[in-house]
Every structure is written in structure tokens, then in C-alpha cells.
Amino acid sequence: MERAPSKKSNPTFSDQARVWFKGILDPLGGFFNRIGLMPNTMTILGLVGNIVGAIFLAQGQFLVGGILILLMGPIDVLDGTMARLRGMASSYGAFIDSVSDRYSELIIFAGLLYYYQGQSNDLAVLLVYAAAAGSVLVSYIRARGLSLGWETKVGILTRFERYLVLAPALVFSFLSPLIPLIAIAIIAVLANVTALQRIIDIRRQARINSHADA
């Protein structure tokens, strides 16, 4: 659904997960197609679900919010599967899906930011901000690189990994309020490390291209 890269890149963990769970995603996607749901409808449902989850997070109800966000993960994947099965995969569909994903992630961080700000927890506020900034930069660097002809998917914490770190931590917050904070701290550090990894990867590609043009 995305623009073909100029150079084949290694698959990300999320790419591999789609292959591993294809036997589950395809039947589910086929079922939703048969009952008349459109891929874009599934995208909107995922976004709305994350908004509701973020509202619960803002109120400090991390367990309920975490469960909702955890359930939205498969929905975020199913829209692409449904489009592929319908033969409707398109660049515009991929664009809408990516924008929805960015909104979902930022809305979740906004809910966390609102809650921790209300608790006057300055450290948590800074960690949430750093996590949100790193997450956006990871996606932006890839998109900007693609616009210039460079594809980069490298990094230790792409969106799927961030989801796997944060959503379960929110669910298990009933064990300790430190669990979500630890997850946010991990994202705050590793998302920004991932952004740097992608900058370095694009720099490497730029140098290779400059030598090839010389």
C-alpha cells in the first residue's frame, strides 16, 4: 500500500508479525468484508476506540483504558488486510491508515499527559512528552526519507513494538502504578534511539548515492 522503496529494506517486526498471523488476520478480514464493513470503517473504529481508551487514561482508569487500547491493536492491522482481500489496496488507503495511526498514538499520550499533569508528576509529564516526540520522529523520518527517495525501516522500537510495550503495561497497572511509568520511560528512550538509528541509516544511504554519482 505504500510507495515502493528505491532499495529493498529489511522487514520490521510488524512486517514479520503480519506474516506470522496471516492465518488469523485473513479469515477475520474476510469475515468483516462479508458482513459489509469497509476497510476505512475499520480504520475509523480503531481511532475511535483509542480515543475512548485515552479518555479513560486521562481519568486515571488505566486498566479499562489499557484493555481498550490493547483491543484496538488487531483492528489497526485488519483494515490493511481487508483492503488487500478486497483488491482495494491503494496509496491513499495507506496514507489514511498512517495518519490514523499517528493520531491514535498521540491521543493516547495526550490522555497520559493530562492525567500525570493533574497529579503534578513533572517527571512523568516529561517522559510522556519525550515518548510522544520520539514516536512522531520515528514516523516522520521514514516519511521524509521516502519523499527524498530513501527507505528506512531500521530501529529497535517501531510502532508495533511501542504498542507491545505500552498497552500491556497499562493493563497491568493495577499491580503497581510504576508499571506504566516504566513502559513510558522505555518508549521515551528507545523511540528516540530508533529515530537516531533512522537518521544514521539515511545518512548511510545518502553517502552511498553520492559515491555512486561521483
C-alpha atoms as a PDB file:
ATOM      1  CA  MET A   1       0.000   0.000   0.000  1.00  0.00           C
ATOM      2  CA  GLU A   2       3.000   2.282   0.398  1.00  0.00           C
ATOM      3  CA  ARG A   3       5.267   3.644  -2.297  1.00  0.00           C
ATOM      4  CA  ALA A   4       7.833   1.103  -3.386  1.00  0.00           C
ATOM      5  CA  PRO A   5      11.247   1.937  -1.925  1.00  0.00           C
ATOM      6  CA  SER A   6      14.187   2.540  -4.178  1.00  0.00           C
ATOM      7  CA  LYS A   7      16.116  -0.063  -2.264  1.00  0.00           C
ATOM      8  CA  LYS A   8      14.702  -3.172  -0.595  1.00  0.00           C
ATOM      9  CA  SER A   9      14.890  -2.826   3.180  1.00  0.00           C
ATOM     10  CA  ASN A  10      14.832  -5.423   5.894  1.00  0.00           C
ATOM     11  CA  PRO A  11      11.342  -6.229   7.199  1.00  0.00           C
ATOM     12  CA  THR A  12      10.376  -4.756  10.552  1.00  0.00           C
ATOM     13  CA  PHE A  13       8.980  -6.766  13.437  1.00  0.00           C
ATOM     14  CA  SER A  14       5.486  -5.565  12.494  1.00  0.00           C
ATOM     15  CA  ASP A  15       6.027  -6.791   8.907  1.00  0.00           C
ATOM     16  CA  GLN A  16       7.039 -10.192  10.238  1.00  0.00           C
ATOM     17  CA  ALA A  17       4.086 -10.254  12.660  1.00  0.00           C
ATOM     18  CA  ARG A  18       1.683  -9.771   9.732  1.00  0.00           C
ATOM     19  CA  VAL A  19       3.214 -12.847   8.095  1.00  0.00           C
ATOM     20  CA  TRP A  20       3.116 -14.897  11.311  1.00  0.00           C
ATOM     21  CA  PHE A  21      -0.537 -14.058  11.996  1.00  0.00           C
ATOM     22  CA  LYS A  22      -1.715 -14.119   8.368  1.00  0.00           C
ATOM     23  CA  GLY A  23      -3.662 -17.309   9.082  1.00  0.00           C
ATOM     24  CA  ILE A  24      -5.691 -15.424  11.708  1.00  0.00           C
ATOM     25  CA  LEU A  25      -5.898 -11.985  10.094  1.00  0.00           C
ATOM     26  CA  ASP A  26      -7.069 -13.199   6.681  1.00  0.00           C
ATOM     27  CA  PRO A  27     -10.112 -15.138   7.979  1.00  0.00           C
ATOM     28  CA  LEU A  28     -11.037 -12.215  10.277  1.00  0.00           C
ATOM     29  CA  GLY A  29     -10.616  -9.717   7.462  1.00  0.00           C
ATOM     30  CA  GLY A  30     -12.701 -11.919   5.174  1.00  0.00           C
ATOM     31  CA  PHE A  31     -15.455 -12.128   7.789  1.00  0.00           C
ATOM     32  CA  PHE A  32     -15.654  -8.356   8.245  1.00  0.00           C
ATOM     33  CA  ASN A  33     -15.677  -7.916   4.469  1.00  0.00           C
ATOM     34  CA  ARG A  34     -18.568 -10.354   4.155  1.00  0.00           C
ATOM     35  CA  ILE A  35     -20.700  -8.525   6.727  1.00  0.00           C
ATOM     36  CA  GLY A  36     -20.240  -5.309   4.777  1.00  0.00           C
ATOM     37  CA  LEU A  37     -17.616  -3.396   6.757  1.00  0.00           C
ATOM     38  CA  MET A  38     -15.247  -1.316   4.659  1.00  0.00           C
ATOM     39  CA  PRO A  39     -11.505  -1.028   5.409  1.00  0.00           C
ATOM     40  CA  ASN A  40     -11.809   2.713   6.095  1.00  0.00           C
ATOM     41  CA  THR A  41     -14.644   1.992   8.540  1.00  0.00           C
ATOM     42  CA  MET A  42     -12.321  -0.331  10.434  1.00  0.00           C
ATOM     43  CA  THR A  43      -9.668   2.413  10.465  1.00  0.00           C
ATOM     44  CA  ILE A  44     -12.175   4.856  11.979  1.00  0.00           C
ATOM     45  CA  LEU A  45     -13.316   2.278  14.543  1.00  0.00           C
ATOM     46  CA  GLY A  46      -9.711   1.806  15.640  1.00  0.00           C
ATOM     47  CA  LEU A  47      -9.216   5.555  16.012  1.00  0.00           C
ATOM     48  CA  VAL A  48     -12.470   5.995  17.960  1.00  0.00           C
ATOM     49  CA  GLY A  49     -11.580   3.082  20.214  1.00  0.00           C
ATOM     50  CA  ASN A  50      -8.213   4.617  21.017  1.00  0.00           C
ATOM     51  CA  ILE A  51      -9.861   7.989  21.721  1.00  0.00           C
ATOM     52  CA  VAL A  52     -12.210   6.340  24.218  1.00  0.00           C
ATOM     53  CA  GLY A  53      -9.267   4.497  25.763  1.00  0.00           C
ATOM     54  CA  ALA A  54      -7.353   7.770  26.080  1.00  0.00           C
ATOM     55  CA  ILE A  55     -10.323   9.361  27.871  1.00  0.00           C
ATOM     56  CA  PHE A  56     -10.182   6.602  30.471  1.00  0.00           C
ATOM     57  CA  LEU A  57      -6.422   7.107  30.799  1.00  0.00           C
ATOM     58  CA  ALA A  58      -6.944  10.832  31.393  1.00  0.00           C
ATOM     59  CA  GLN A  59      -9.249   9.894  34.282  1.00  0.00           C
ATOM     60  CA  GLY A  60      -6.658   7.555  35.769  1.00  0.00           C
ATOM     61  CA  GLN A  61      -8.570   4.405  34.803  1.00  0.00           C
ATOM     62  CA  PHE A  62      -5.547   2.712  33.281  1.00  0.00           C
ATOM     63  CA  LEU A  63      -6.963  -0.824  33.413  1.00  0.00           C
ATOM     64  CA  VAL A  64     -10.056  -0.028  31.333  1.00  0.00           C
ATOM     65  CA  GLY A  65      -8.152   2.303  29.026  1.00  0.00           C
ATOM     66  CA  GLY A  66      -5.386  -0.251  28.599  1.00  0.00           C
ATOM     67  CA  ILE A  67      -7.836  -3.024  27.706  1.00  0.00           C
ATOM     68  CA  LEU A  68      -9.483  -0.823  25.076  1.00  0.00           C
ATOM     69  CA  ILE A  69      -6.123   0.155  23.585  1.00  0.00           C
ATOM     70  CA  LEU A  70      -4.993  -3.475  23.646  1.00  0.00           C
ATOM     71  CA  LEU A  71      -8.130  -4.476  21.726  1.00  0.00           C
ATOM     72  CA  MET A  72      -7.582  -1.755  19.132  1.00  0.00           C
ATOM     73  CA  GLY A  73      -4.214  -3.209  18.086  1.00  0.00           C
ATOM     74  CA  PRO A  74      -5.656  -6.008  15.900  1.00  0.00           C
ATOM     75  CA  ILE A  75      -8.223  -3.574  14.448  1.00  0.00           C
ATOM     76  CA  ASP A  76      -5.380  -1.274  13.359  1.00  0.00           C
ATOM     77  CA  VAL A  77      -3.973  -4.186  11.351  1.00  0.00           C
ATOM     78  CA  LEU A  78      -7.236  -5.536   9.967  1.00  0.00           C
ATOM     79  CA  ASP A  79      -8.007  -2.514   7.775  1.00  0.00           C
ATOM     80  CA  GLY A  80      -4.995  -3.233   5.580  1.00  0.00           C
ATOM     81  CA  THR A  81      -5.828  -6.940   5.469  1.00  0.00           C
ATOM     82  CA  MET A  82      -9.418  -6.181   4.453  1.00  0.00           C
ATOM     83  CA  ALA A  83      -8.283  -3.791   1.722  1.00  0.00           C
ATOM     84  CA  ARG A  84      -5.878  -6.400   0.345  1.00  0.00           C
ATOM     85  CA  LEU A  85      -8.549  -9.122   0.330  1.00  0.00           C
ATOM     86  CA  ARG A  86     -10.975  -6.769  -1.443  1.00  0.00           C
ATOM     87  CA  GLY A  87      -8.334  -5.850  -4.013  1.00  0.00           C
ATOM     88  CA  MET A  88      -8.694  -2.244  -2.852  1.00  0.00           C
ATOM     89  CA  ALA A  89      -5.188  -1.644  -1.516  1.00  0.00           C
ATOM     90  CA  SER A  90      -4.070   1.839  -2.536  1.00  0.00           C
ATOM     91  CA  SER A  91      -1.572   4.534  -1.685  1.00  0.00           C
ATOM     92  CA  TYR A  92      -4.382   6.751  -0.413  1.00  0.00           C
ATOM     93  CA  GLY A  93      -5.630   3.972   1.860  1.00  0.00           C
ATOM     94  CA  ALA A  94      -2.120   3.558   3.237  1.00  0.00           C
ATOM     95  CA  PHE A  95      -1.941   7.318   3.772  1.00  0.00           C
ATOM     96  CA  ILE A  96      -5.218   7.389   5.738  1.00  0.00           C
ATOM     97  CA  ASP A  97      -4.107   4.378   7.773  1.00  0.00           C
ATOM     98  CA  SER A  98      -0.785   6.014   8.666  1.00  0.00           C
ATOM     99  CA  VAL A  99      -2.403   9.327   9.624  1.00  0.00           C
ATOM    100  CA  SER A 100      -4.933   7.475  11.790  1.00  0.00           C
ATOM    101  CA  ASP A 101      -2.127   5.577  13.496  1.00  0.00           C
ATOM    102  CA  ARG A 102      -0.294   8.819  14.311  1.00  0.00           C
ATOM    103  CA  TYR A 103      -3.461  10.402  15.702  1.00  0.00           C
ATOM    104  CA  SER A 104      -4.199   7.301  17.785  1.00  0.00           C
ATOM    105  CA  GLU A 105      -0.743   7.245  19.314  1.00  0.00           C
ATOM    106  CA  LEU A 106      -0.667  10.960  20.065  1.00  0.00           C
ATOM    107  CA  ILE A 107      -4.172  10.864  21.574  1.00  0.00           C
ATOM    108  CA  ILE A 108      -3.098   8.055  23.897  1.00  0.00           C
ATOM    109  CA  PHE A 109      -0.069  10.074  25.007  1.00  0.00           C
ATOM    110  CA  ALA A 110      -2.333  13.128  25.437  1.00  0.00           C
ATOM    111  CA  GLY A 111      -4.518  11.145  27.842  1.00  0.00           C
ATOM    112  CA  LEU A 112      -1.473  10.101  29.830  1.00  0.00           C
ATOM    113  CA  LEU A 113      -0.102  13.648  29.799  1.00  0.00           C
ATOM    114  CA  TYR A 114      -3.393  15.040  31.089  1.00  0.00           C
ATOM    115  CA  TYR A 115      -3.502  12.515  33.926  1.00  0.00           C
ATOM    116  CA  TYR A 116       0.090  12.965  35.085  1.00  0.00           C
ATOM    117  CA  GLN A 117      -0.149  16.748  34.797  1.00  0.00           C
ATOM    118  CA  GLY A 118      -3.180  16.605  37.077  1.00  0.00           C
ATOM    119  CA  GLN A 119      -1.111  14.562  39.513  1.00  0.00           C
ATOM    120  CA  SER A 120       1.651  17.209  39.397  1.00  0.00           C
ATOM    121  CA  ASN A 121       4.067  14.450  38.394  1.00  0.00           C
ATOM    122  CA  ASP A 122       6.620  16.515  36.477  1.00  0.00           C
ATOM    123  CA  LEU A 123       8.906  13.563  35.716  1.00  0.00           C
ATOM    124  CA  ALA A 124       6.043  11.552  34.221  1.00  0.00           C
ATOM    125  CA  VAL A 125       4.957  14.557  32.140  1.00  0.00           C
ATOM    126  CA  LEU A 126       8.479  14.899  30.715  1.00  0.00           C
ATOM    127  CA  LEU A 127       8.667  11.170  29.991  1.00  0.00           C
ATOM    128  CA  VAL A 128       5.308  11.188  28.176  1.00  0.00           C
ATOM    129  CA  TYR A 129       6.412  14.204  26.135  1.00  0.00           C
ATOM    130  CA  ALA A 130       9.708  12.518  25.218  1.00  0.00           C
ATOM    131  CA  ALA A 131       7.880   9.303  24.299  1.00  0.00           C
ATOM    132  CA  ALA A 132       5.408  11.191  22.086  1.00  0.00           C
ATOM    133  CA  ALA A 133       8.166  13.223  20.433  1.00  0.00           C
ATOM    134  CA  GLY A 134      10.273  10.145  19.727  1.00  0.00           C
ATOM    135  CA  SER A 135       7.300   8.225  18.360  1.00  0.00           C
ATOM    136  CA  VAL A 136       6.392  11.025  15.949  1.00  0.00           C
ATOM    137  CA  LEU A 137      10.001  11.464  14.849  1.00  0.00           C
ATOM    138  CA  VAL A 138      10.352   7.766  14.036  1.00  0.00           C
ATOM    139  CA  SER A 139       7.456   8.018  11.579  1.00  0.00           C
ATOM    140  CA  TYR A 140       8.414  11.463  10.286  1.00  0.00           C
ATOM    141  CA  ILE A 141      11.998  10.466   9.491  1.00  0.00           C
ATOM    142  CA  ARG A 142      10.804   7.493   7.467  1.00  0.00           C
ATOM    143  CA  ALA A 143       8.207   9.590   5.613  1.00  0.00           C
ATOM    144  CA  ARG A 144      10.676  12.399   4.908  1.00  0.00           C
ATOM    145  CA  GLY A 145      13.273   9.897   3.769  1.00  0.00           C
ATOM    146  CA  LEU A 146      10.781   8.302   1.381  1.00  0.00           C
ATOM    147  CA  SER A 147       9.942  11.711  -0.095  1.00  0.00           C
ATOM    148  CA  LEU A 148      13.626  12.070  -0.966  1.00  0.00           C
ATOM    149  CA  GLY A 149      13.985   8.551  -2.334  1.00  0.00           C
ATOM    150  CA  TRP A 150      15.409   6.776   0.719  1.00  0.00           C
ATOM    151  CA  GLU A 151      13.609   3.981   2.548  1.00  0.00           C
ATOM    152  CA  THR A 152      14.394   3.261   6.185  1.00  0.00           C
ATOM    153  CA  LYS A 153      12.656   0.819   8.484  1.00  0.00           C
ATOM    154  CA  VAL A 154      15.508   0.194  10.895  1.00  0.00           C
ATOM    155  CA  GLY A 155      15.211   0.690  14.629  1.00  0.00           C
ATOM    156  CA  ILE A 156      14.589  -1.204  17.820  1.00  0.00           C
ATOM    157  CA  LEU A 157      11.205   0.332  18.659  1.00  0.00           C
ATOM    158  CA  THR A 158       8.812   0.860  15.763  1.00  0.00           C
ATOM    159  CA  ARG A 159       5.094   1.457  16.337  1.00  0.00           C
ATOM    160  CA  PHE A 160       4.196  -2.215  16.837  1.00  0.00           C
ATOM    161  CA  GLU A 161       6.900  -2.655  19.467  1.00  0.00           C
ATOM    162  CA  ARG A 162       5.766   0.564  21.191  1.00  0.00           C
ATOM    163  CA  TYR A 163       2.241  -0.847  21.287  1.00  0.00           C
ATOM    164  CA  LEU A 164       3.533  -4.109  22.798  1.00  0.00           C
ATOM    165  CA  VAL A 165       5.394  -2.169  25.483  1.00  0.00           C
ATOM    166  CA  LEU A 166       2.649   0.310  26.439  1.00  0.00           C
ATOM    167  CA  ALA A 167      -0.703  -1.475  26.131  1.00  0.00           C
ATOM    168  CA  PRO A 168       0.066  -4.470  28.414  1.00  0.00           C
ATOM    169  CA  ALA A 169       1.757  -2.135  30.914  1.00  0.00           C
ATOM    170  CA  LEU A 170      -1.445  -0.102  31.147  1.00  0.00           C
ATOM    171  CA  VAL A 171      -3.487  -3.251  31.708  1.00  0.00           C
ATOM    172  CA  PHE A 172      -1.160  -4.417  34.497  1.00  0.00           C
ATOM    173  CA  SER A 173      -1.163  -1.006  36.158  1.00  0.00           C
ATOM    174  CA  PHE A 174      -3.401  -2.457  38.881  1.00  0.00           C
ATOM    175  CA  LEU A 175      -0.335  -4.308  40.173  1.00  0.00           C
ATOM    176  CA  SER A 176       1.688  -1.109  40.546  1.00  0.00           C
ATOM    177  CA  PRO A 177       1.370   2.462  39.264  1.00  0.00           C
ATOM    178  CA  LEU A 178       5.071   2.267  38.391  1.00  0.00           C
ATOM    179  CA  ILE A 179       4.474  -0.271  35.599  1.00  0.00           C
ATOM    180  CA  PRO A 180       3.020   2.252  33.101  1.00  0.00           C
ATOM    181  CA  LEU A 181       5.751   4.753  34.029  1.00  0.00           C
ATOM    182  CA  ILE A 182       8.452   2.183  33.336  1.00  0.00           C
ATOM    183  CA  ALA A 183       6.870   1.417  29.949  1.00  0.00           C
ATOM    184  CA  ILE A 184       6.643   5.128  29.108  1.00  0.00           C
ATOM    185  CA  ALA A 185      10.294   5.600  30.115  1.00  0.00           C
ATOM    186  CA  ILE A 186      11.322   2.701  27.860  1.00  0.00           C
ATOM    187  CA  ILE A 187       9.482   4.289  24.931  1.00  0.00           C
ATOM    188  CA  ALA A 188      10.866   7.740  25.758  1.00  0.00           C
ATOM    189  CA  VAL A 189      14.417   6.426  25.467  1.00  0.00           C
ATOM    190  CA  LEU A 190      14.162   3.763  22.767  1.00  0.00           C
ATOM    191  CA  ALA A 191      11.825   5.652  20.411  1.00  0.00           C
ATOM    192  CA  ASN A 192      14.375   8.455  20.259  1.00  0.00           C
ATOM    193  CA  VAL A 193      17.172   5.916  19.811  1.00  0.00           C
ATOM    194  CA  THR A 194      15.162   4.490  16.905  1.00  0.00           C
ATOM    195  CA  ALA A 195      14.837   7.982  15.410  1.00  0.00           C
ATOM    196  CA  LEU A 196      18.629   8.374  15.587  1.00  0.00           C
ATOM    197  CA  GLN A 197      19.109   4.934  14.015  1.00  0.00           C
ATOM    198  CA  ARG A 198      16.960   6.007  11.071  1.00  0.00           C
ATOM    199  CA  ILE A 199      18.810   9.295  10.680  1.00  0.00           C
ATOM    200  CA  ILE A 200      22.094   7.359  10.577  1.00  0.00           C
ATOM    201  CA  ASP A 201      20.635   4.859   8.091  1.00  0.00           C
ATOM    202  CA  ILE A 202      19.500   7.635   5.753  1.00  0.00           C
ATOM    203  CA  ARG A 203      22.907   9.301   6.086  1.00  0.00           C
ATOM    204  CA  ARG A 204      24.497   6.000   5.074  1.00  0.00           C
ATOM    205  CA  GLN A 205      22.246   5.738   2.012  1.00  0.00           C
ATOM    206  CA  ALA A 206      22.960   9.356   1.071  1.00  0.00           C
ATOM    207  CA  ARG A 207      26.701   8.704   1.179  1.00  0.00           C
ATOM    208  CA  ILE A 208      26.318   5.577  -0.961  1.00  0.00           C
ATOM    209  CA  ASN A 209      24.306   7.564  -3.519  1.00  0.00           C
ATOM    210  CA  SER A 210      26.791  10.420  -3.540  1.00  0.00           C
ATOM    211  CA  HIS A 211      29.657   7.982  -4.191  1.00  0.00           C
ATOM    212  CA  ALA A 212      27.650   6.277  -6.932  1.00  0.00           C
ATOM    213  CA  ASP A 213      27.037   9.642  -8.622  1.00  0.00           C
ATOM    214  CA  ALA A 214      30.666  10.670  -8.392  1.00  0.00           C
END
